[in-house]
N, C-alpha and C. Protein backbone atom coordinates (compact mmCIF):
# COMPACT_ATOMS: atom_id res chain seq x y z
N UNK A 1 2.67 20.31 10.84
CA UNK A 1 2.99 20.50 9.44
C UNK A 1 1.95 21.42 8.79
N UNK A 2 1.54 22.41 9.51
CA UNK A 2 0.49 23.29 9.01
C UNK A 2 0.92 24.12 7.81
N UNK A 3 2.23 24.27 7.60
CA UNK A 3 2.65 25.08 6.47
C UNK A 3 2.85 24.27 5.19
N UNK A 4 2.41 23.00 5.18
CA UNK A 4 2.50 22.16 3.98
C UNK A 4 1.39 22.56 3.01
N UNK A 5 1.75 22.72 1.76
CA UNK A 5 0.79 23.05 0.71
C UNK A 5 0.36 21.74 0.03
N UNK A 6 -0.55 21.01 0.66
CA UNK A 6 -0.99 19.73 0.12
C UNK A 6 -1.81 19.88 -1.16
N UNK A 7 -2.22 21.13 -1.48
CA UNK A 7 -2.93 21.38 -2.73
C UNK A 7 -1.98 21.45 -3.92
N UNK A 8 -0.68 21.51 -3.66
CA UNK A 8 0.33 21.57 -4.71
C UNK A 8 1.18 20.30 -4.69
N UNK A 9 1.46 19.73 -5.84
CA UNK A 9 2.31 18.55 -5.94
C UNK A 9 3.62 18.95 -6.59
N UNK A 10 4.69 18.75 -5.86
CA UNK A 10 6.03 19.04 -6.36
C UNK A 10 6.51 17.90 -7.25
N UNK A 11 6.22 16.66 -6.83
CA UNK A 11 6.55 15.49 -7.65
C UNK A 11 5.74 14.31 -7.16
N UNK A 12 5.53 13.36 -8.07
CA UNK A 12 4.84 12.12 -7.72
C UNK A 12 5.39 11.02 -8.61
N UNK A 13 5.84 9.95 -7.98
CA UNK A 13 6.45 8.86 -8.72
C UNK A 13 5.98 7.53 -8.14
N UNK A 14 5.55 6.63 -9.02
CA UNK A 14 5.09 5.30 -8.61
C UNK A 14 5.75 4.27 -9.50
N UNK A 15 6.42 3.31 -8.88
CA UNK A 15 7.04 2.20 -9.61
C UNK A 15 6.73 0.90 -8.88
N UNK A 16 6.63 -0.19 -9.65
CA UNK A 16 6.32 -1.50 -9.08
C UNK A 16 7.33 -2.53 -9.57
N UNK A 17 7.45 -3.62 -8.80
CA UNK A 17 8.35 -4.71 -9.16
C UNK A 17 7.83 -6.00 -8.51
N UNK A 18 7.99 -7.12 -9.19
CA UNK A 18 7.53 -8.40 -8.67
C UNK A 18 8.49 -8.92 -7.60
N UNK A 19 7.91 -9.44 -6.53
CA UNK A 19 8.64 -10.13 -5.47
C UNK A 19 8.34 -11.62 -5.61
N UNK A 20 9.38 -12.43 -5.71
CA UNK A 20 9.21 -13.88 -5.85
C UNK A 20 9.11 -14.55 -4.49
N UNK A 21 8.06 -14.20 -3.78
CA UNK A 21 7.77 -14.76 -2.47
C UNK A 21 6.28 -14.56 -2.20
N UNK A 22 5.69 -15.43 -1.39
CA UNK A 22 4.27 -15.28 -1.08
C UNK A 22 3.99 -14.02 -0.25
N UNK A 23 2.85 -13.39 -0.51
CA UNK A 23 2.47 -12.19 0.21
C UNK A 23 2.45 -12.43 1.72
N UNK A 24 2.02 -13.61 2.14
CA UNK A 24 1.93 -13.91 3.57
C UNK A 24 3.26 -13.87 4.30
N UNK A 25 4.36 -13.93 3.59
CA UNK A 25 5.69 -13.87 4.22
C UNK A 25 6.32 -12.49 4.14
N UNK A 26 5.67 -11.57 3.43
CA UNK A 26 6.16 -10.20 3.33
C UNK A 26 5.68 -9.41 4.54
N UNK A 27 6.59 -8.67 5.16
CA UNK A 27 6.24 -7.78 6.26
C UNK A 27 6.97 -6.45 6.03
N UNK A 28 6.30 -5.55 5.32
CA UNK A 28 6.93 -4.29 4.94
C UNK A 28 7.35 -3.45 6.14
N UNK A 29 6.50 -3.37 7.16
CA UNK A 29 6.83 -2.56 8.33
C UNK A 29 8.07 -3.12 9.04
N UNK A 30 8.11 -4.42 9.22
CA UNK A 30 9.27 -5.03 9.88
C UNK A 30 10.53 -4.80 9.05
N UNK A 31 10.40 -4.98 7.74
CA UNK A 31 11.55 -4.76 6.86
C UNK A 31 12.03 -3.31 6.96
N UNK A 32 11.11 -2.37 6.78
CA UNK A 32 11.47 -0.96 6.75
C UNK A 32 12.08 -0.49 8.08
N UNK A 33 11.47 -0.91 9.17
CA UNK A 33 11.88 -0.39 10.48
C UNK A 33 13.03 -1.17 11.11
N UNK A 34 13.57 -2.15 10.35
CA UNK A 34 14.77 -2.85 10.82
C UNK A 34 15.81 -2.95 9.70
N UNK A 35 15.65 -2.13 8.67
CA UNK A 35 16.54 -2.14 7.52
C UNK A 35 17.94 -1.68 7.94
N UNK A 36 18.93 -2.56 7.78
CA UNK A 36 20.30 -2.15 8.12
C UNK A 36 20.79 -1.03 7.21
N UNK A 37 21.61 -0.18 7.74
CA UNK A 37 22.14 0.96 7.01
C UNK A 37 22.82 0.53 5.71
N UNK A 38 23.64 -0.51 5.75
CA UNK A 38 24.36 -0.96 4.55
C UNK A 38 23.39 -1.49 3.49
N UNK A 39 22.33 -2.16 3.92
CA UNK A 39 21.33 -2.66 2.96
C UNK A 39 20.59 -1.49 2.30
N UNK A 40 20.25 -0.47 3.09
CA UNK A 40 19.63 0.73 2.52
C UNK A 40 20.55 1.34 1.46
N UNK A 41 21.82 1.43 1.75
CA UNK A 41 22.77 2.00 0.79
C UNK A 41 22.85 1.18 -0.49
N UNK A 42 22.73 -0.14 -0.38
CA UNK A 42 22.77 -1.00 -1.57
C UNK A 42 21.52 -0.85 -2.44
N UNK A 43 20.45 -0.28 -1.89
CA UNK A 43 19.18 -0.18 -2.62
C UNK A 43 19.09 1.03 -3.54
N UNK A 44 20.08 1.87 -3.62
CA UNK A 44 20.11 2.96 -4.62
C UNK A 44 21.48 3.63 -4.62
N UNK A 45 22.51 2.85 -4.93
CA UNK A 45 23.83 3.48 -4.95
C UNK A 45 23.93 4.44 -6.13
N UNK A 46 24.62 5.53 -6.01
CA UNK A 46 25.27 6.07 -4.81
C UNK A 46 24.36 7.05 -4.05
N UNK A 47 23.07 7.10 -4.40
CA UNK A 47 22.16 8.10 -3.82
C UNK A 47 21.85 7.90 -2.34
N UNK A 48 21.70 6.64 -1.92
CA UNK A 48 21.35 6.38 -0.52
C UNK A 48 22.60 6.52 0.34
N UNK A 49 22.54 7.39 1.33
CA UNK A 49 23.69 7.69 2.18
C UNK A 49 23.59 6.96 3.51
N UNK A 50 22.43 7.01 4.17
CA UNK A 50 22.30 6.41 5.50
C UNK A 50 20.82 6.23 5.85
N UNK A 51 20.57 5.26 6.73
CA UNK A 51 19.20 5.03 7.22
C UNK A 51 19.27 4.49 8.64
N UNK A 52 18.22 4.76 9.37
CA UNK A 52 18.11 4.25 10.73
C UNK A 52 16.65 4.32 11.16
N UNK A 53 16.34 3.62 12.22
CA UNK A 53 14.97 3.60 12.74
C UNK A 53 14.98 4.08 14.18
N UNK A 54 13.93 4.79 14.54
CA UNK A 54 13.77 5.30 15.90
C UNK A 54 12.27 5.47 16.14
N UNK A 55 11.91 6.26 17.12
CA UNK A 55 10.50 6.58 17.38
C UNK A 55 10.38 8.08 17.63
N UNK A 56 9.17 8.57 17.45
CA UNK A 56 8.89 9.96 17.82
C UNK A 56 8.80 10.04 19.33
N UNK A 57 8.72 11.24 19.87
CA UNK A 57 8.58 11.41 21.32
C UNK A 57 7.35 10.69 21.86
N UNK A 58 6.29 10.61 21.04
CA UNK A 58 5.07 9.95 21.51
C UNK A 58 5.01 8.46 21.13
N UNK A 59 6.13 7.91 20.66
CA UNK A 59 6.23 6.46 20.46
C UNK A 59 5.88 5.93 19.08
N UNK A 60 5.59 6.81 18.12
CA UNK A 60 5.28 6.32 16.77
C UNK A 60 6.56 5.90 16.06
N UNK A 61 6.49 4.83 15.25
CA UNK A 61 7.69 4.38 14.54
C UNK A 61 8.17 5.42 13.53
N UNK A 62 9.49 5.48 13.36
CA UNK A 62 10.08 6.49 12.51
C UNK A 62 11.29 5.91 11.78
N UNK A 63 11.39 6.24 10.51
CA UNK A 63 12.54 5.87 9.70
C UNK A 63 13.24 7.15 9.28
N UNK A 64 14.54 7.22 9.53
CA UNK A 64 15.34 8.37 9.13
C UNK A 64 16.16 7.95 7.91
N UNK A 65 16.00 8.66 6.80
CA UNK A 65 16.73 8.36 5.57
C UNK A 65 17.49 9.59 5.11
N UNK A 66 18.71 9.37 4.66
CA UNK A 66 19.53 10.42 4.08
C UNK A 66 19.85 9.97 2.66
N UNK A 67 19.47 10.81 1.68
CA UNK A 67 19.70 10.43 0.29
C UNK A 67 19.78 11.65 -0.60
N UNK A 68 20.39 11.46 -1.75
CA UNK A 68 20.45 12.50 -2.77
C UNK A 68 19.29 12.28 -3.74
N UNK A 69 18.52 13.34 -3.98
CA UNK A 69 17.50 13.33 -5.03
C UNK A 69 17.89 14.48 -5.95
N UNK A 70 18.38 14.14 -7.12
CA UNK A 70 18.90 15.17 -8.02
C UNK A 70 20.09 15.84 -7.36
N UNK A 71 20.03 17.18 -7.24
CA UNK A 71 21.13 17.93 -6.62
C UNK A 71 20.87 18.25 -5.16
N UNK A 72 19.78 17.72 -4.60
CA UNK A 72 19.43 18.01 -3.22
C UNK A 72 19.74 16.86 -2.28
N UNK A 73 20.42 17.16 -1.18
CA UNK A 73 20.63 16.17 -0.12
C UNK A 73 19.40 16.23 0.79
N UNK A 74 18.68 15.11 0.88
CA UNK A 74 17.45 15.04 1.66
C UNK A 74 17.71 14.35 3.00
N UNK A 75 17.24 14.96 4.06
CA UNK A 75 17.22 14.33 5.38
C UNK A 75 15.75 14.11 5.67
N UNK A 76 15.31 12.84 5.61
CA UNK A 76 13.89 12.53 5.71
C UNK A 76 13.57 11.93 7.08
N UNK A 77 12.56 12.47 7.69
CA UNK A 77 12.12 12.07 9.03
C UNK A 77 10.75 11.40 8.89
N UNK A 78 10.74 10.17 8.36
CA UNK A 78 9.48 9.50 8.05
C UNK A 78 8.81 8.96 9.31
N UNK A 79 7.62 9.47 9.60
CA UNK A 79 6.82 9.00 10.73
C UNK A 79 5.75 8.06 10.19
N UNK A 80 5.61 6.91 10.83
CA UNK A 80 4.64 5.91 10.39
C UNK A 80 3.21 6.34 10.63
N UNK A 81 2.50 6.62 9.54
CA UNK A 81 1.08 6.91 9.58
C UNK A 81 0.31 5.58 9.54
N UNK A 82 0.78 4.68 8.67
CA UNK A 82 0.28 3.29 8.58
C UNK A 82 1.52 2.41 8.54
N UNK A 83 1.59 1.41 9.40
CA UNK A 83 2.75 0.51 9.41
C UNK A 83 2.25 -0.94 9.50
N UNK A 84 1.80 -1.45 8.37
CA UNK A 84 1.28 -2.81 8.32
C UNK A 84 2.19 -3.73 7.54
N UNK A 85 1.80 -5.00 7.51
CA UNK A 85 2.60 -6.01 6.81
C UNK A 85 2.62 -5.76 5.30
N UNK A 86 1.49 -5.32 4.73
CA UNK A 86 1.44 -5.15 3.28
C UNK A 86 1.20 -3.69 2.84
N UNK A 87 1.24 -2.76 3.81
CA UNK A 87 1.07 -1.34 3.45
C UNK A 87 1.68 -0.47 4.54
N UNK A 88 2.56 0.40 4.13
CA UNK A 88 3.12 1.42 5.03
C UNK A 88 2.93 2.78 4.37
N UNK A 89 2.53 3.73 5.18
CA UNK A 89 2.45 5.13 4.71
C UNK A 89 3.26 5.94 5.69
N UNK A 90 4.36 6.48 5.17
CA UNK A 90 5.31 7.22 5.98
C UNK A 90 5.29 8.68 5.54
N UNK A 91 5.22 9.60 6.50
CA UNK A 91 5.12 11.03 6.18
C UNK A 91 6.30 11.77 6.83
N UNK A 92 6.98 12.57 6.00
CA UNK A 92 8.17 13.28 6.48
C UNK A 92 8.09 14.76 6.15
N UNK A 93 8.47 15.58 7.09
CA UNK A 93 8.81 16.97 6.81
C UNK A 93 10.32 16.93 6.64
N UNK A 94 10.76 16.95 5.38
CA UNK A 94 12.16 16.66 5.04
C UNK A 94 12.98 17.92 4.84
N UNK A 95 14.19 17.88 5.37
CA UNK A 95 15.15 18.94 5.13
C UNK A 95 15.81 18.69 3.78
N UNK A 96 15.96 19.75 2.99
CA UNK A 96 16.59 19.65 1.68
C UNK A 96 17.75 20.65 1.64
N UNK A 97 18.96 20.12 1.40
CA UNK A 97 20.14 20.95 1.26
C UNK A 97 20.47 21.01 -0.23
N UNK A 98 20.31 22.21 -0.81
CA UNK A 98 20.54 22.40 -2.24
C UNK A 98 21.84 23.20 -2.44
N UNK A 99 22.32 23.28 -3.66
CA UNK A 99 23.50 24.12 -3.90
C UNK A 99 23.30 25.59 -3.53
N UNK A 100 22.03 26.05 -3.44
CA UNK A 100 21.76 27.46 -3.11
C UNK A 100 21.22 27.67 -1.71
N UNK A 101 21.14 26.60 -0.90
CA UNK A 101 20.68 26.77 0.47
C UNK A 101 19.80 25.63 0.96
N UNK A 102 19.22 25.83 2.13
CA UNK A 102 18.44 24.82 2.82
C UNK A 102 16.97 25.22 2.86
N UNK A 103 16.09 24.21 2.70
CA UNK A 103 14.65 24.44 2.78
C UNK A 103 13.98 23.14 3.24
N UNK A 104 12.64 23.08 3.19
CA UNK A 104 11.93 21.87 3.60
C UNK A 104 10.75 21.59 2.68
N UNK A 105 10.49 20.30 2.49
CA UNK A 105 9.32 19.82 1.74
C UNK A 105 8.69 18.68 2.53
N UNK A 106 7.45 18.41 2.23
CA UNK A 106 6.81 17.23 2.80
C UNK A 106 6.92 16.09 1.78
N UNK A 107 7.30 14.91 2.26
CA UNK A 107 7.38 13.74 1.40
C UNK A 107 6.50 12.64 2.01
N UNK A 108 5.64 12.08 1.19
CA UNK A 108 4.81 10.94 1.60
C UNK A 108 5.30 9.72 0.83
N UNK A 109 5.73 8.71 1.58
CA UNK A 109 6.28 7.49 0.99
C UNK A 109 5.32 6.36 1.32
N UNK A 110 4.76 5.76 0.29
CA UNK A 110 3.87 4.61 0.49
C UNK A 110 4.50 3.37 -0.12
N UNK A 111 4.57 2.34 0.69
CA UNK A 111 5.07 1.04 0.27
C UNK A 111 3.90 0.09 0.37
N UNK A 112 3.67 -0.71 -0.67
CA UNK A 112 2.57 -1.67 -0.60
C UNK A 112 2.94 -2.93 -1.36
N UNK A 113 2.29 -4.01 -0.96
CA UNK A 113 2.48 -5.30 -1.63
C UNK A 113 1.10 -5.91 -1.83
N UNK A 114 0.88 -6.48 -3.03
CA UNK A 114 -0.39 -7.16 -3.29
C UNK A 114 -0.10 -8.52 -3.91
N UNK A 115 -0.97 -9.45 -3.61
CA UNK A 115 -0.82 -10.83 -4.07
C UNK A 115 -0.99 -10.92 -5.58
N UNK A 116 -0.10 -11.67 -6.22
CA UNK A 116 -0.25 -12.02 -7.63
C UNK A 116 -0.75 -13.47 -7.70
N UNK A 117 -0.04 -14.37 -7.00
CA UNK A 117 -0.45 -15.78 -6.90
C UNK A 117 0.17 -16.33 -5.62
N UNK A 118 0.14 -17.63 -5.41
CA UNK A 118 0.63 -18.22 -4.16
C UNK A 118 2.11 -17.97 -3.91
N UNK A 119 2.88 -17.73 -4.96
CA UNK A 119 4.33 -17.60 -4.81
C UNK A 119 4.89 -16.24 -5.19
N UNK A 120 4.03 -15.29 -5.57
CA UNK A 120 4.50 -13.98 -6.03
C UNK A 120 3.59 -12.87 -5.54
N UNK A 121 4.19 -11.72 -5.34
CA UNK A 121 3.41 -10.52 -5.05
C UNK A 121 4.07 -9.34 -5.74
N UNK A 122 3.36 -8.24 -5.81
CA UNK A 122 3.89 -7.05 -6.47
C UNK A 122 4.12 -5.96 -5.44
N UNK A 123 5.33 -5.46 -5.42
CA UNK A 123 5.72 -4.36 -4.55
C UNK A 123 5.54 -3.05 -5.30
N UNK A 124 4.90 -2.06 -4.67
CA UNK A 124 4.74 -0.74 -5.26
C UNK A 124 5.35 0.29 -4.32
N UNK A 125 6.19 1.15 -4.90
CA UNK A 125 6.90 2.19 -4.17
C UNK A 125 6.39 3.53 -4.71
N UNK A 126 5.68 4.28 -3.89
CA UNK A 126 5.07 5.54 -4.30
C UNK A 126 5.63 6.67 -3.45
N UNK A 127 6.09 7.73 -4.11
CA UNK A 127 6.67 8.87 -3.41
C UNK A 127 6.04 10.15 -3.95
N UNK A 128 5.44 10.93 -3.06
CA UNK A 128 4.81 12.19 -3.43
C UNK A 128 5.40 13.30 -2.57
N UNK A 129 5.79 14.40 -3.21
CA UNK A 129 6.34 15.54 -2.48
C UNK A 129 5.43 16.75 -2.65
N UNK A 130 5.22 17.43 -1.53
CA UNK A 130 4.44 18.68 -1.51
C UNK A 130 5.34 19.80 -0.99
N UNK A 131 5.20 21.00 -1.54
CA UNK A 131 6.00 22.11 -1.03
C UNK A 131 5.45 22.60 0.31
N UNK A 132 6.33 23.22 1.06
CA UNK A 132 5.92 23.95 2.26
C UNK A 132 5.91 25.44 1.89
N UNK A 133 5.33 26.24 2.74
CA UNK A 133 5.38 27.69 2.54
C UNK A 133 6.84 28.15 2.52
N UNK A 134 7.66 27.53 3.37
CA UNK A 134 9.09 27.84 3.41
C UNK A 134 9.75 27.55 2.05
N UNK A 135 9.38 26.44 1.43
CA UNK A 135 9.93 26.07 0.13
C UNK A 135 9.50 27.09 -0.94
N UNK A 136 8.24 27.48 -0.92
CA UNK A 136 7.75 28.46 -1.90
C UNK A 136 8.47 29.80 -1.74
N UNK A 137 8.74 30.20 -0.50
CA UNK A 137 9.49 31.44 -0.26
C UNK A 137 10.93 31.28 -0.74
N UNK A 138 11.51 30.11 -0.55
CA UNK A 138 12.86 29.80 -1.02
C UNK A 138 12.93 29.95 -2.54
N UNK A 139 11.92 29.42 -3.24
CA UNK A 139 11.89 29.54 -4.70
C UNK A 139 11.83 31.01 -5.12
N UNK A 140 10.96 31.76 -4.46
CA UNK A 140 10.81 33.19 -4.79
C UNK A 140 12.13 33.93 -4.56
N UNK A 141 12.77 33.63 -3.44
CA UNK A 141 14.05 34.27 -3.10
C UNK A 141 15.12 33.98 -4.16
N UNK A 142 15.03 32.80 -4.76
CA UNK A 142 16.03 32.39 -5.77
C UNK A 142 15.50 32.55 -7.20
N UNK A 143 14.40 33.29 -7.35
CA UNK A 143 13.84 33.61 -8.66
C UNK A 143 13.62 32.35 -9.51
N UNK A 144 13.04 31.34 -8.87
CA UNK A 144 12.73 30.08 -9.55
C UNK A 144 11.22 29.87 -9.50
N UNK A 145 10.62 29.53 -10.63
CA UNK A 145 9.18 29.28 -10.64
C UNK A 145 8.86 27.92 -10.03
N UNK A 146 7.67 27.80 -9.47
CA UNK A 146 7.24 26.50 -8.93
C UNK A 146 7.22 25.47 -10.06
N UNK A 147 6.78 25.87 -11.23
CA UNK A 147 6.69 24.94 -12.36
C UNK A 147 8.06 24.38 -12.72
N UNK A 148 9.08 25.23 -12.72
CA UNK A 148 10.44 24.75 -13.03
C UNK A 148 10.95 23.83 -11.93
N UNK A 149 10.72 24.22 -10.68
CA UNK A 149 11.16 23.38 -9.56
C UNK A 149 10.45 22.03 -9.60
N UNK A 150 9.15 22.03 -9.91
CA UNK A 150 8.38 20.78 -9.97
C UNK A 150 8.88 19.91 -11.13
N UNK A 151 9.18 20.53 -12.26
CA UNK A 151 9.69 19.77 -13.41
C UNK A 151 11.03 19.11 -13.06
N UNK A 152 11.92 19.86 -12.42
CA UNK A 152 13.23 19.32 -12.03
C UNK A 152 13.09 18.21 -11.00
N UNK A 153 12.24 18.45 -9.99
CA UNK A 153 12.03 17.46 -8.93
C UNK A 153 11.37 16.20 -9.50
N UNK A 154 10.42 16.36 -10.41
CA UNK A 154 9.73 15.21 -11.01
C UNK A 154 10.74 14.32 -11.73
N UNK A 155 11.59 14.92 -12.53
CA UNK A 155 12.59 14.15 -13.28
C UNK A 155 13.53 13.41 -12.33
N UNK A 156 14.02 14.11 -11.31
CA UNK A 156 14.96 13.50 -10.37
C UNK A 156 14.30 12.40 -9.54
N UNK A 157 13.09 12.66 -9.07
CA UNK A 157 12.37 11.69 -8.23
C UNK A 157 12.01 10.43 -9.01
N UNK A 158 11.53 10.61 -10.22
CA UNK A 158 11.16 9.46 -11.04
C UNK A 158 12.37 8.60 -11.36
N UNK A 159 13.49 9.25 -11.71
CA UNK A 159 14.73 8.51 -11.97
C UNK A 159 15.16 7.73 -10.74
N UNK A 160 15.18 8.39 -9.60
CA UNK A 160 15.60 7.75 -8.35
C UNK A 160 14.69 6.57 -8.01
N UNK A 161 13.38 6.78 -8.07
CA UNK A 161 12.42 5.74 -7.72
C UNK A 161 12.53 4.54 -8.67
N UNK A 162 12.76 4.79 -9.95
CA UNK A 162 12.86 3.69 -10.91
C UNK A 162 14.07 2.81 -10.61
N UNK A 163 15.10 3.39 -10.02
CA UNK A 163 16.30 2.61 -9.68
C UNK A 163 16.18 1.93 -8.33
N UNK A 164 15.54 2.58 -7.35
CA UNK A 164 15.48 1.98 -6.02
C UNK A 164 14.38 0.92 -5.89
N UNK A 165 13.29 1.04 -6.64
CA UNK A 165 12.17 0.10 -6.47
C UNK A 165 12.56 -1.36 -6.68
N UNK A 166 13.23 -1.73 -7.78
CA UNK A 166 13.59 -3.15 -7.93
C UNK A 166 14.59 -3.61 -6.86
N UNK A 167 15.45 -2.71 -6.40
CA UNK A 167 16.41 -3.10 -5.36
C UNK A 167 15.72 -3.23 -4.00
N UNK A 168 14.76 -2.34 -3.69
CA UNK A 168 13.95 -2.52 -2.49
C UNK A 168 13.19 -3.84 -2.57
N UNK A 169 12.58 -4.12 -3.72
CA UNK A 169 11.82 -5.37 -3.89
C UNK A 169 12.72 -6.58 -3.65
N UNK A 170 13.95 -6.55 -4.15
CA UNK A 170 14.89 -7.65 -3.93
C UNK A 170 15.22 -7.82 -2.46
N UNK A 171 15.39 -6.71 -1.76
CA UNK A 171 15.68 -6.77 -0.33
C UNK A 171 14.49 -7.32 0.45
N UNK A 172 13.29 -6.88 0.10
CA UNK A 172 12.07 -7.37 0.74
C UNK A 172 11.91 -8.86 0.44
N UNK A 173 12.19 -9.26 -0.79
CA UNK A 173 12.11 -10.67 -1.19
C UNK A 173 13.06 -11.53 -0.35
N UNK A 174 14.29 -11.08 -0.17
CA UNK A 174 15.26 -11.84 0.64
C UNK A 174 14.76 -11.99 2.08
N UNK A 175 14.20 -10.91 2.63
CA UNK A 175 13.65 -10.99 3.98
C UNK A 175 12.48 -11.95 4.06
N UNK A 176 11.61 -11.92 3.05
CA UNK A 176 10.44 -12.83 3.01
C UNK A 176 10.87 -14.29 2.87
N UNK A 177 11.86 -14.54 2.01
CA UNK A 177 12.34 -15.92 1.84
C UNK A 177 13.06 -16.42 3.09
N UNK A 178 13.74 -15.54 3.79
CA UNK A 178 14.36 -15.93 5.06
C UNK A 178 13.28 -16.31 6.07
N UNK A 179 12.17 -15.58 6.09
CA UNK A 179 11.05 -15.90 6.98
C UNK A 179 10.40 -17.20 6.57
N UNK A 180 10.35 -17.46 5.27
CA UNK A 180 9.78 -18.70 4.75
C UNK A 180 10.61 -19.92 5.16
N UNK A 181 11.92 -19.73 5.24
CA UNK A 181 12.83 -20.82 5.59
C UNK A 181 12.75 -21.19 7.07
N UNK A 182 12.24 -20.28 7.89
CA UNK A 182 12.19 -20.53 9.34
C UNK A 182 11.06 -21.47 9.69
């Protein structure tokens, strides 16, 4: 991912929601890497299209997500940088299909949970996008400023994240309560 411009932020969105389950029963990595496709779709209708889990050639865990962010269809290839019970950091070089063509951006998705008390924890869903050199050339080719693209992406990403975070938290909560019942 050498062509990622990590010095530039295309968008950054952080939202949190309470999970009514003890932190000790939450396992974000297990939830994320075994999330059924239909459950993923329920977590941000109609934006979430499909999800699946696999591994990279060298065995690292990977989540593949297909979703609409604004007017762009994103194919995200999230590779697990950190895959723990209470913190996952997933990094994707994502394909973006826009009304004017195809390009790529880097997306970093961080999921975390922290204890509130014995029966509750807080889930935080953080998504940061960085442009690639390919994306910057795409903008230039289409006579679009980085500032305008960042403004549009920020609005779309924040809206999407605000809707998916409570639904992700509910799904994580159901998984944690099922583990608690065992």
